[in-house]
Protein backbone atom coordinates (compact mmCIF):
# COMPACT_ATOMS: atom_id res chain seq x y z
CA MET A 1 -5.67 8.22 -42.02
CA GLN A 2 -3.25 10.89 -43.09
CA VAL A 3 -3.37 14.60 -42.34
CA ARG A 4 -2.31 16.65 -45.32
CA ARG A 5 -0.13 19.68 -44.74
CA ARG A 6 -1.88 22.90 -45.69
CA ALA A 7 -1.69 26.63 -45.02
CA ASN A 8 -4.40 28.10 -42.80
CA ALA A 9 -6.07 31.49 -43.12
CA ASN A 10 -3.58 32.93 -40.61
CA ARG A 11 -0.66 31.71 -42.82
CA ALA A 12 0.37 29.09 -40.25
CA TRP A 13 1.01 25.50 -41.28
CA SER A 14 -1.39 22.92 -39.93
CA LYS A 15 1.20 20.14 -39.77
CA SER A 16 4.90 19.88 -39.11
CA LYS A 17 7.29 19.14 -41.98
CA ARG A 18 8.73 16.21 -40.06
CA ALA A 19 6.93 12.93 -39.40
CA ARG A 20 6.81 11.74 -35.80
CA VAL A 21 6.33 8.36 -34.20
CA GLN A 22 4.28 8.26 -31.03
CA PRO A 23 4.70 5.05 -29.06
CA LEU A 24 1.52 3.53 -27.63
CA ASP A 25 1.14 1.94 -24.27
CA PHE A 26 0.18 -1.76 -24.23
CA LEU A 27 -3.20 -0.91 -22.68
CA VAL A 28 -4.07 1.42 -25.58
CA VAL A 29 -3.28 -1.29 -28.13
CA GLN A 30 -5.21 -3.86 -26.12
CA GLY A 31 -8.22 -1.53 -25.86
CA PHE A 32 -8.18 -0.85 -29.60
CA ASP A 33 -7.96 -4.58 -30.38
CA GLN A 34 -10.94 -5.20 -28.11
CA TYR A 35 -12.92 -2.39 -29.78
CA VAL A 36 -12.26 -3.83 -33.26
CA ASP A 37 -13.21 -7.35 -32.16
CA GLU A 38 -16.48 -6.13 -30.61
CA ARG A 39 -17.29 -4.00 -33.64
CA LEU A 40 -16.77 -6.92 -36.02
CA GLU A 41 -18.88 -9.14 -33.79
CA ASN A 42 -21.76 -6.62 -33.68
CA LEU A 43 -21.68 -5.64 -37.35
CA GLY A 44 -20.59 -8.89 -38.90
CA ALA A 45 -17.38 -9.23 -40.89
CA GLY A 46 -19.02 -8.24 -44.22
CA ALA A 47 -20.72 -5.10 -42.85
CA ALA A 48 -17.52 -3.70 -41.33
CA THR A 49 -15.80 -3.49 -44.71
CA SER A 50 -18.70 -2.10 -46.74
CA CYS A 51 -18.69 1.54 -47.82
CA SER A 52 -22.45 2.16 -47.57
């Protein structure tokens, strides 16, 4: 997902001009991997990629 830079009603920018990299802790990556595995298991591989 990408956040697009836009001007707000108060004339402030909603995103910085520069891109940033935020390192993730190993436990965050491990938790996300576990979430994806469980989601695929519960939904089935075909259901996870459908757009309906």
